[in-house]
Amino acid sequence: MCPRMMLATLSRRVTKAVLRHRHSIGISLLPGLHQCCGDRSVAPPSQRFTSASTPLYPPRLARHTTARHTAAHAWSLTTIYAAVPGCDMRVRRLGTTTARPVLLLGNEALRSACVPCSEADPSALKLDKAALVATLEAFRKENGFGRGIAAPQIGSLFRFIAVNMGDGPRVLSDPEISWRSSETFTLYDDCMSLPWLLCRVTRHSSVTVTFVNESGEEERWSECNRALSELLQHEVDHLDGVLITDIAEPQGIISRHEFERTPEIFRAKVDYSIVPTLQE
């Protein structure tokens, strides 16, 4: 069967599944079908996050607040994926890898404990890893920042992450933190899945991580510096279904708008501030 016929058949199967389950789902999933099947058209302004007073996102992030990034749509991807047995509804074009929508706070996938990569289908896992890197790099290009992303943030429930500290993307499969320093520090951490918030959290100053690299070999990063260590702790938390809102200090959750309005006040409350690895 040619790729065009495969896509048409796949689209019909997904549409039938959504229509069959639309009452139990309780929300409209149809706007997301076009994105799943390769149509990357931008949602109309009426479907975007808007605010009559203060915007939830800074100007550069506002471009990401289309309907395809709402919690309802992100959840719809998980629903569609589960509704059609044997249907590989990854968000990509046939024959190419494309960035996927980042799932937002409230999506059930972000609360799932991921399973080892050895339990995944190798072909599907390869596509998921490529999509994760594409999503990270697209976010960096669009916003001028972004250092890491974990598999569940694009709906893949396997233990791998992608990081880019300014020297190119790396994919870490089945990462495990084997050592943590006794010294800790505080910072305002952010996350692609809740970009309108920052959370004051405590992290270990240094960690050692072991993982399987892109060549399938075990690799070890020993006693990483503070910047890499806090990033690795953040991403590994994602693989266990833990978000920064779960570990935030009391009264430590703030809006990004307020932080950027008076950054000096909030930076004075913590030991460390994240330094972007990509400058505009």
C-alpha atoms as a PDB file:
ATOM      1  CA  MET A   1       0.000   0.000   0.000  1.00  0.00           C
ATOM      2  CA  CYS A   2       1.426   3.400  -0.966  1.00  0.00           C
ATOM      3  CA  PRO A   3       2.054   6.049   1.744  1.00  0.00           C
ATOM      4  CA  ARG A   4      -0.871   8.195   0.505  1.00  0.00           C
ATOM      5  CA  MET A   5      -3.329   5.306   0.820  1.00  0.00           C
ATOM      6  CA  MET A   6      -1.888   4.356   4.218  1.00  0.00           C
ATOM      7  CA  LEU A   7      -2.406   7.908   5.485  1.00  0.00           C
ATOM      8  CA  ALA A   8      -5.975   8.026   4.173  1.00  0.00           C
ATOM      9  CA  THR A   9      -6.812   4.681   5.790  1.00  0.00           C
ATOM     10  CA  LEU A  10      -5.218   5.777   9.060  1.00  0.00           C
ATOM     11  CA  SER A  11      -7.162   9.036   9.052  1.00  0.00           C
ATOM     12  CA  ARG A  12     -10.458   7.213   8.542  1.00  0.00           C
ATOM     13  CA  ARG A  13      -9.730   4.776  11.390  1.00  0.00           C
ATOM     14  CA  VAL A  14      -8.869   7.577  13.798  1.00  0.00           C
ATOM     15  CA  THR A  15     -11.935   9.615  12.854  1.00  0.00           C
ATOM     16  CA  LYS A  16     -14.231   6.638  13.392  1.00  0.00           C
ATOM     17  CA  ALA A  17     -12.636   5.904  16.774  1.00  0.00           C
ATOM     18  CA  VAL A  18     -13.030   9.493  17.950  1.00  0.00           C
ATOM     19  CA  LEU A  19     -16.636   9.689  16.832  1.00  0.00           C
ATOM     20  CA  ARG A  20     -17.383   6.387  18.547  1.00  0.00           C
ATOM     21  CA  HIS A  21     -15.939   7.578  21.859  1.00  0.00           C
ATOM     22  CA  ARG A  22     -16.789  11.288  21.703  1.00  0.00           C
ATOM     23  CA  HIS A  23     -19.525  11.085  24.354  1.00  0.00           C
ATOM     24  CA  SER A  24     -17.389   9.265  26.911  1.00  0.00           C
ATOM     25  CA  ILE A  25     -14.439  11.565  26.223  1.00  0.00           C
ATOM     26  CA  GLY A  26     -16.564  14.606  26.992  1.00  0.00           C
ATOM     27  CA  ILE A  27     -14.568  17.070  24.881  1.00  0.00           C
ATOM     28  CA  SER A  28     -14.209  17.794  21.194  1.00  0.00           C
ATOM     29  CA  LEU A  29     -11.177  16.059  19.777  1.00  0.00           C
ATOM     30  CA  LEU A  30     -11.754  16.754  16.127  1.00  0.00           C
ATOM     31  CA  PRO A  31      -9.611  19.926  15.902  1.00  0.00           C
ATOM     32  CA  GLY A  32      -6.583  17.825  16.880  1.00  0.00           C
ATOM     33  CA  LEU A  33      -7.061  15.232  14.139  1.00  0.00           C
ATOM     34  CA  HIS A  34      -5.608  17.487  11.462  1.00  0.00           C
ATOM     35  CA  GLN A  35      -2.431  17.919  13.505  1.00  0.00           C
ATOM     36  CA  CYS A  36      -2.123  14.164  14.048  1.00  0.00           C
ATOM     37  CA  CYS A  37      -2.497  13.425  10.354  1.00  0.00           C
ATOM     38  CA  GLY A  38       0.075  15.946   9.209  1.00  0.00           C
ATOM     39  CA  ASP A  39      -1.835  19.205   8.810  1.00  0.00           C
ATOM     40  CA  ARG A  40       0.175  21.821  10.729  1.00  0.00           C
ATOM     41  CA  SER A  41      -2.188  24.714  10.174  1.00  0.00           C
ATOM     42  CA  VAL A  42      -2.337  27.195  13.035  1.00  0.00           C
ATOM     43  CA  ALA A  43      -5.493  27.340  15.113  1.00  0.00           C
ATOM     44  CA  PRO A  44      -7.710  30.409  14.726  1.00  0.00           C
ATOM     45  CA  PRO A  45      -7.238  33.190  17.318  1.00  0.00           C
ATOM     46  CA  SER A  46     -10.480  32.217  19.063  1.00  0.00           C
ATOM     47  CA  GLN A  47      -8.903  28.904  20.090  1.00  0.00           C
ATOM     48  CA  ARG A  48      -5.789  30.410  21.606  1.00  0.00           C
ATOM     49  CA  PHE A  49      -5.099  31.184  25.246  1.00  0.00           C
ATOM     50  CA  THR A  50      -5.991  34.826  25.772  1.00  0.00           C
ATOM     51  CA  SER A  51      -6.181  37.124  28.748  1.00  0.00           C
ATOM     52  CA  ALA A  52      -8.017  40.385  29.093  1.00  0.00           C
ATOM     53  CA  SER A  53      -5.371  41.757  31.431  1.00  0.00           C
ATOM     54  CA  THR A  54      -1.978  40.147  31.985  1.00  0.00           C
ATOM     55  CA  PRO A  55      -0.725  37.560  29.452  1.00  0.00           C
ATOM     56  CA  LEU A  56       0.169  34.141  30.793  1.00  0.00           C
ATOM     57  CA  TYR A  57       3.172  33.913  28.482  1.00  0.00           C
ATOM     58  CA  PRO A  58       5.934  36.392  27.664  1.00  0.00           C
ATOM     59  CA  PRO A  59       5.851  37.675  24.058  1.00  0.00           C
ATOM     60  CA  ARG A  60       8.118  34.964  22.626  1.00  0.00           C
ATOM     61  CA  LEU A  61       6.134  32.177  24.244  1.00  0.00           C
ATOM     62  CA  ALA A  62       2.826  33.624  23.107  1.00  0.00           C
ATOM     63  CA  ARG A  63       3.357  32.078  19.688  1.00  0.00           C
ATOM     64  CA  HIS A  64       3.164  28.635  21.278  1.00  0.00           C
ATOM     65  CA  THR A  65      -0.264  29.174  22.813  1.00  0.00           C
ATOM     66  CA  THR A  66      -2.304  27.796  19.934  1.00  0.00           C
ATOM     67  CA  ALA A  67      -5.015  25.186  20.341  1.00  0.00           C
ATOM     68  CA  ARG A  68      -2.537  22.411  19.612  1.00  0.00           C
ATOM     69  CA  HIS A  69      -0.806  23.267  22.879  1.00  0.00           C
ATOM     70  CA  THR A  70      -3.871  23.364  25.094  1.00  0.00           C
ATOM     71  CA  ALA A  71      -4.296  20.657  27.721  1.00  0.00           C
ATOM     72  CA  ALA A  72      -7.480  19.477  26.014  1.00  0.00           C
ATOM     73  CA  HIS A  73      -5.762  18.917  22.710  1.00  0.00           C
ATOM     74  CA  ALA A  74      -2.669  17.342  24.279  1.00  0.00           C
ATOM     75  CA  TRP A  75      -4.924  14.940  26.165  1.00  0.00           C
ATOM     76  CA  SER A  76      -6.725  14.174  22.920  1.00  0.00           C
ATOM     77  CA  LEU A  77      -3.498  12.800  21.431  1.00  0.00           C
ATOM     78  CA  THR A  78      -3.261  10.270  24.246  1.00  0.00           C
ATOM     79  CA  THR A  79      -6.931   9.367  23.842  1.00  0.00           C
ATOM     80  CA  ILE A  80      -6.646   8.866  20.081  1.00  0.00           C
ATOM     81  CA  TYR A  81      -3.451   6.874  20.478  1.00  0.00           C
ATOM     82  CA  ALA A  82      -5.178   4.493  22.900  1.00  0.00           C
ATOM     83  CA  ALA A  83      -8.509   4.382  21.047  1.00  0.00           C
ATOM     84  CA  VAL A  84      -7.180   2.705  17.909  1.00  0.00           C
ATOM     85  CA  PRO A  85      -5.445  -0.622  18.679  1.00  0.00           C
ATOM     86  CA  GLY A  86      -2.285  -1.053  16.658  1.00  0.00           C
ATOM     87  CA  CYS A  87      -2.498   2.473  15.290  1.00  0.00           C
ATOM     88  CA  ASP A  88       0.850   4.298  15.482  1.00  0.00           C
ATOM     89  CA  MET A  89      -0.524   7.838  15.725  1.00  0.00           C
ATOM     90  CA  ARG A  90       2.743   9.661  16.344  1.00  0.00           C
ATOM     91  CA  VAL A  91       2.663  13.324  15.381  1.00  0.00           C
ATOM     92  CA  ARG A  92       4.884  13.266  12.293  1.00  0.00           C
ATOM     93  CA  ARG A  93       4.752  13.415   8.531  1.00  0.00           C
ATOM     94  CA  LEU A  94       5.271  10.228   6.561  1.00  0.00           C
ATOM     95  CA  GLY A  95       8.962   9.755   5.885  1.00  0.00           C
ATOM     96  CA  THR A  96      10.123  12.702   8.015  1.00  0.00           C
ATOM     97  CA  THR A  97      10.495  13.595  11.667  1.00  0.00           C
ATOM     98  CA  THR A  98       8.799  16.719  12.959  1.00  0.00           C
ATOM     99  CA  ALA A  99       8.497  18.429  16.302  1.00  0.00           C
ATOM    100  CA  ARG A 100       5.494  17.380  18.363  1.00  0.00           C
ATOM    101  CA  PRO A 101       3.309  19.500  20.612  1.00  0.00           C
ATOM    102  CA  VAL A 102       4.623  19.697  24.170  1.00  0.00           C
ATOM    103  CA  LEU A 103       2.024  18.288  26.562  1.00  0.00           C
ATOM    104  CA  LEU A 104       0.891  20.739  29.212  1.00  0.00           C
ATOM    105  CA  LEU A 105       0.253  20.559  32.933  1.00  0.00           C
ATOM    106  CA  GLY A 106      -2.819  18.423  33.561  1.00  0.00           C
ATOM    107  CA  ASN A 107      -2.104  15.846  30.881  1.00  0.00           C
ATOM    108  CA  GLU A 108      -2.102  12.331  32.340  1.00  0.00           C
ATOM    109  CA  ALA A 109       1.041  11.342  30.435  1.00  0.00           C
ATOM    110  CA  LEU A 110       3.077  13.768  32.562  1.00  0.00           C
ATOM    111  CA  ARG A 111       2.083  11.795  35.670  1.00  0.00           C
ATOM    112  CA  SER A 112       3.094   8.401  34.316  1.00  0.00           C
ATOM    113  CA  ALA A 113       6.124   6.438  35.451  1.00  0.00           C
ATOM    114  CA  CYS A 114       8.008   5.602  32.279  1.00  0.00           C
ATOM    115  CA  VAL A 115       9.254   2.106  31.465  1.00  0.00           C
ATOM    116  CA  PRO A 116      12.755   1.110  30.274  1.00  0.00           C
ATOM    117  CA  CYS A 117      13.589   1.641  26.626  1.00  0.00           C
ATOM    118  CA  SER A 118      14.268  -2.100  26.280  1.00  0.00           C
ATOM    119  CA  GLU A 119      10.500  -2.660  26.432  1.00  0.00           C
ATOM    120  CA  ALA A 120       9.804  -0.425  23.428  1.00  0.00           C
ATOM    121  CA  ASP A 121       9.557  -1.405  19.788  1.00  0.00           C
ATOM    122  CA  PRO A 122      12.980  -0.406  18.352  1.00  0.00           C
ATOM    123  CA  SER A 123      11.562   1.264  15.245  1.00  0.00           C
ATOM    124  CA  ALA A 124       8.975   3.275  17.172  1.00  0.00           C
ATOM    125  CA  LEU A 125      11.562   4.182  19.818  1.00  0.00           C
ATOM    126  CA  LYS A 126      13.927   5.520  17.158  1.00  0.00           C
ATOM    127  CA  LEU A 127      11.178   7.761  15.804  1.00  0.00           C
ATOM    128  CA  ASP A 128      10.256   8.941  19.303  1.00  0.00           C
ATOM    129  CA  LYS A 129      13.865   9.878  20.048  1.00  0.00           C
ATOM    130  CA  ALA A 130      14.198  11.783  16.792  1.00  0.00           C
ATOM    131  CA  ALA A 131      10.923  13.588  17.515  1.00  0.00           C
ATOM    132  CA  LEU A 132      12.106  14.522  21.018  1.00  0.00           C
ATOM    133  CA  VAL A 133      15.271  16.104  19.647  1.00  0.00           C
ATOM    134  CA  ALA A 134      13.270  17.883  16.925  1.00  0.00           C
ATOM    135  CA  THR A 135      10.869  19.255  19.550  1.00  0.00           C
ATOM    136  CA  LEU A 136      13.718  20.528  21.745  1.00  0.00           C
ATOM    137  CA  GLU A 137      15.524  22.175  18.842  1.00  0.00           C
ATOM    138  CA  ALA A 138      12.315  23.753  17.523  1.00  0.00           C
ATOM    139  CA  PHE A 139      11.589  25.210  20.963  1.00  0.00           C
ATOM    140  CA  ARG A 140      15.146  26.599  21.217  1.00  0.00           C
ATOM    141  CA  LYS A 141      14.918  28.152  17.764  1.00  0.00           C
ATOM    142  CA  GLU A 142      11.535  29.714  18.502  1.00  0.00           C
ATOM    143  CA  ASN A 143      12.251  31.036  22.005  1.00  0.00           C
ATOM    144  CA  GLY A 144      16.011  31.438  22.289  1.00  0.00           C
ATOM    145  CA  PHE A 145      16.174  29.139  25.324  1.00  0.00           C
ATOM    146  CA  GLY A 146      15.438  25.567  26.367  1.00  0.00           C
ATOM    147  CA  ARG A 147      17.999  23.016  27.524  1.00  0.00           C
ATOM    148  CA  GLY A 148      16.197  19.726  27.973  1.00  0.00           C
ATOM    149  CA  ILE A 149      13.014  17.741  27.449  1.00  0.00           C
ATOM    150  CA  ALA A 150      11.809  14.306  28.570  1.00  0.00           C
ATOM    151  CA  ALA A 151       9.948  11.664  26.578  1.00  0.00           C
ATOM    152  CA  PRO A 152       6.587  11.935  28.423  1.00  0.00           C
ATOM    153  CA  GLN A 153       6.387  15.596  27.440  1.00  0.00           C
ATOM    154  CA  ILE A 154       5.668  14.472  23.874  1.00  0.00           C
ATOM    155  CA  GLY A 155       3.559  11.472  24.930  1.00  0.00           C
ATOM    156  CA  SER A 156       6.197   8.726  24.762  1.00  0.00           C
ATOM    157  CA  LEU A 157       6.233   6.772  28.031  1.00  0.00           C
ATOM    158  CA  PHE A 158       9.754   5.387  27.842  1.00  0.00           C
ATOM    159  CA  ARG A 159      12.812   6.407  29.845  1.00  0.00           C
ATOM    160  CA  PHE A 160      14.813   8.759  27.660  1.00  0.00           C
ATOM    161  CA  ILE A 161      15.566  12.463  27.611  1.00  0.00           C
ATOM    162  CA  ALA A 162      17.190  14.974  25.259  1.00  0.00           C
ATOM    163  CA  VAL A 163      19.517  17.726  26.460  1.00  0.00           C
ATOM    164  CA  ASN A 164      21.397  20.534  24.756  1.00  0.00           C
ATOM    165  CA  MET A 165      23.786  22.581  26.858  1.00  0.00           C
ATOM    166  CA  GLY A 166      24.904  24.628  23.880  1.00  0.00           C
ATOM    167  CA  ASP A 167      27.130  22.051  22.190  1.00  0.00           C
ATOM    168  CA  GLY A 168      24.445  20.137  20.336  1.00  0.00           C
ATOM    169  CA  PRO A 169      21.651  17.757  21.362  1.00  0.00           C
ATOM    170  CA  ARG A 170      22.285  14.493  23.165  1.00  0.00           C
ATOM    171  CA  VAL A 171      19.813  11.670  23.822  1.00  0.00           C
ATOM    172  CA  LEU A 172      20.177   9.797  27.122  1.00  0.00           C
ATOM    173  CA  SER A 173      18.334   6.482  27.340  1.00  0.00           C
ATOM    174  CA  ASP A 174      17.460   4.922  30.694  1.00  0.00           C
ATOM    175  CA  PRO A 175      19.356   7.597  32.683  1.00  0.00           C
ATOM    176  CA  GLU A 176      19.991   6.825  36.343  1.00  0.00           C
ATOM    177  CA  ILE A 177      21.385   9.198  38.932  1.00  0.00           C
ATOM    178  CA  SER A 178      23.833   7.072  40.888  1.00  0.00           C
ATOM    179  CA  TRP A 179      25.293   9.762  43.140  1.00  0.00           C
ATOM    180  CA  ARG A 180      24.078  13.047  44.596  1.00  0.00           C
ATOM    181  CA  SER A 181      26.160  15.591  46.475  1.00  0.00           C
ATOM    182  CA  SER A 182      25.219  16.483  50.026  1.00  0.00           C
ATOM    183  CA  GLU A 183      25.436  20.170  49.100  1.00  0.00           C
ATOM    184  CA  THR A 184      22.224  21.663  47.717  1.00  0.00           C
ATOM    185  CA  PHE A 185      21.092  24.968  46.272  1.00  0.00           C
ATOM    186  CA  THR A 186      17.849  26.750  45.388  1.00  0.00           C
ATOM    187  CA  LEU A 187      16.685  28.152  42.068  1.00  0.00           C
ATOM    188  CA  TYR A 188      13.578  29.201  40.197  1.00  0.00           C
ATOM    189  CA  ASP A 189      13.053  26.357  37.762  1.00  0.00           C
ATOM    190  CA  ASP A 190      10.870  26.422  34.662  1.00  0.00           C
ATOM    191  CA  CYS A 191       9.415  23.755  32.389  1.00  0.00           C
ATOM    192  CA  MET A 192       8.155  23.519  28.817  1.00  0.00           C
ATOM    193  CA  SER A 193       4.987  21.822  30.090  1.00  0.00           C
ATOM    194  CA  LEU A 194       4.083  24.799  32.282  1.00  0.00           C
ATOM    195  CA  PRO A 195       5.923  27.719  30.666  1.00  0.00           C
ATOM    196  CA  TRP A 196       3.764  30.347  32.365  1.00  0.00           C
ATOM    197  CA  LEU A 197       5.085  29.337  35.831  1.00  0.00           C
ATOM    198  CA  LEU A 198       8.385  29.226  37.707  1.00  0.00           C
ATOM    199  CA  CYS A 199       8.907  27.209  40.879  1.00  0.00           C
ATOM    200  CA  ARG A 200      11.473  27.680  43.628  1.00  0.00           C
ATOM    201  CA  VAL A 201      12.998  24.249  44.193  1.00  0.00           C
ATOM    202  CA  THR A 202      16.014  22.714  45.920  1.00  0.00           C
ATOM    203  CA  ARG A 203      18.469  20.620  43.913  1.00  0.00           C
ATOM    204  CA  HIS A 204      21.699  18.758  44.624  1.00  0.00           C
ATOM    205  CA  SER A 205      24.721  20.787  43.516  1.00  0.00           C
ATOM    206  CA  SER A 206      26.276  17.860  41.692  1.00  0.00           C
ATOM    207  CA  VAL A 207      25.165  14.447  40.454  1.00  0.00           C
ATOM    208  CA  THR A 208      26.602  11.483  38.601  1.00  0.00           C
ATOM    209  CA  VAL A 209      24.435   9.924  35.898  1.00  0.00           C
ATOM    210  CA  THR A 210      24.787   6.729  33.889  1.00  0.00           C
ATOM    211  CA  PHE A 211      22.851   6.126  30.688  1.00  0.00           C
ATOM    212  CA  VAL A 212      22.845   4.393  27.320  1.00  0.00           C
ATOM    213  CA  ASN A 213      24.103   6.727  24.609  1.00  0.00           C
ATOM    214  CA  GLU A 214      23.134   7.075  20.964  1.00  0.00           C
ATOM    215  CA  SER A 215      25.487   4.243  19.985  1.00  0.00           C
ATOM    216  CA  GLY A 216      23.894   1.817  22.432  1.00  0.00           C
ATOM    217  CA  GLU A 217      26.854   1.963  24.813  1.00  0.00           C
ATOM    218  CA  GLU A 218      26.755   2.736  28.512  1.00  0.00           C
ATOM    219  CA  GLU A 219      28.100   6.188  29.318  1.00  0.00           C
ATOM    220  CA  ARG A 220      28.770   7.926  32.616  1.00  0.00           C
ATOM    221  CA  TRP A 221      28.895  11.614  33.462  1.00  0.00           C
ATOM    222  CA  SER A 222      30.602  11.963  36.821  1.00  0.00           C
ATOM    223  CA  GLU A 223      30.103  14.799  39.305  1.00  0.00           C
ATOM    224  CA  CYS A 224      28.479  17.133  36.796  1.00  0.00           C
ATOM    225  CA  ASN A 225      28.575  20.887  37.258  1.00  0.00           C
ATOM    226  CA  ARG A 226      25.677  22.738  38.807  1.00  0.00           C
ATOM    227  CA  ALA A 227      23.977  23.742  35.547  1.00  0.00           C
ATOM    228  CA  LEU A 228      23.978  20.239  34.084  1.00  0.00           C
ATOM    229  CA  SER A 229      23.189  18.599  37.421  1.00  0.00           C
ATOM    230  CA  GLU A 230      20.015  20.590  38.044  1.00  0.00           C
ATOM    231  CA  LEU A 231      18.868  19.953  34.476  1.00  0.00           C
ATOM    232  CA  LEU A 232      19.411  16.193  34.778  1.00  0.00           C
ATOM    233  CA  GLN A 233      17.493  16.094  38.063  1.00  0.00           C
ATOM    234  CA  HIS A 234      14.611  17.960  36.426  1.00  0.00           C
ATOM    235  CA  GLU A 235      14.432  15.645  33.406  1.00  0.00           C
ATOM    236  CA  VAL A 236      14.806  12.405  35.370  1.00  0.00           C
ATOM    237  CA  ASP A 237      11.965  13.584  37.620  1.00  0.00           C
ATOM    238  CA  HIS A 238       9.791  13.763  34.488  1.00  0.00           C
ATOM    239  CA  LEU A 239      10.465  10.071  33.823  1.00  0.00           C
ATOM    240  CA  ASP A 240       9.004   9.287  37.252  1.00  0.00           C
ATOM    241  CA  GLY A 241       5.934  11.495  36.762  1.00  0.00           C
ATOM    242  CA  VAL A 242       7.257  14.243  39.062  1.00  0.00           C
ATOM    243  CA  LEU A 243       6.859  17.910  38.130  1.00  0.00           C
ATOM    244  CA  ILE A 244       8.445  21.007  39.633  1.00  0.00           C
ATOM    245  CA  THR A 245       5.077  21.989  41.097  1.00  0.00           C
ATOM    246  CA  ASP A 246       5.287  18.840  43.257  1.00  0.00           C
ATOM    247  CA  ILE A 247       8.599  19.779  44.861  1.00  0.00           C
ATOM    248  CA  ALA A 248       8.217  23.568  44.977  1.00  0.00           C
ATOM    249  CA  GLU A 249       8.925  25.246  48.290  1.00  0.00           C
ATOM    250  CA  PRO A 250       6.004  26.832  50.172  1.00  0.00           C
ATOM    251  CA  GLN A 251       4.868  29.985  48.374  1.00  0.00           C
ATOM    252  CA  GLY A 252       7.494  29.216  45.753  1.00  0.00           C
ATOM    253  CA  ILE A 253       5.259  29.076  42.672  1.00  0.00           C
ATOM    254  CA  ILE A 254       5.135  32.319  40.691  1.00  0.00           C
ATOM    255  CA  SER A 255       4.035  33.458  37.233  1.00  0.00           C
ATOM    256  CA  ARG A 256       6.667  33.993  34.581  1.00  0.00           C
ATOM    257  CA  HIS A 257       5.175  37.422  33.949  1.00  0.00           C
ATOM    258  CA  GLU A 258       5.823  38.517  37.530  1.00  0.00           C
ATOM    259  CA  PHE A 259       9.334  37.065  37.470  1.00  0.00           C
ATOM    260  CA  GLU A 260      10.237  38.921  34.287  1.00  0.00           C
ATOM    261  CA  ARG A 261       8.644  42.126  35.586  1.00  0.00           C
ATOM    262  CA  THR A 262      10.963  42.256  38.638  1.00  0.00           C
ATOM    263  CA  PRO A 263      13.633  39.557  38.153  1.00  0.00           C
ATOM    264  CA  GLU A 264      16.069  41.095  40.611  1.00  0.00           C
ATOM    265  CA  ILE A 265      13.627  40.612  43.492  1.00  0.00           C
ATOM    266  CA  PHE A 266      13.123  36.907  42.811  1.00  0.00           C
ATOM    267  CA  ARG A 267      16.762  36.149  41.997  1.00  0.00           C
ATOM    268  CA  ALA A 268      17.720  37.561  45.389  1.00  0.00           C
ATOM    269  CA  LYS A 269      15.623  34.803  47.003  1.00  0.00           C
ATOM    270  CA  VAL A 270      17.590  31.900  45.506  1.00  0.00           C
ATOM    271  CA  ASP A 271      21.183  30.705  45.252  1.00  0.00           C
ATOM    272  CA  TYR A 272      21.335  30.218  41.506  1.00  0.00           C
ATOM    273  CA  SER A 273      19.693  31.387  38.290  1.00  0.00           C
ATOM    274  CA  ILE A 274      19.457  29.369  35.074  1.00  0.00           C
ATOM    275  CA  VAL A 275      21.690  30.648  32.284  1.00  0.00           C
ATOM    276  CA  PRO A 276      20.335  30.168  28.730  1.00  0.00           C
ATOM    277  CA  THR A 277      22.542  27.997  26.510  1.00  0.00           C
ATOM    278  CA  LEU A 278      21.372  29.711  23.319  1.00  0.00           C
ATOM    279  CA  GLN A 279      21.693  33.416  22.865  1.00  0.00           C
ATOM    280  CA  GLU A 280      19.532  35.389  20.446  1.00  0.00           C
END
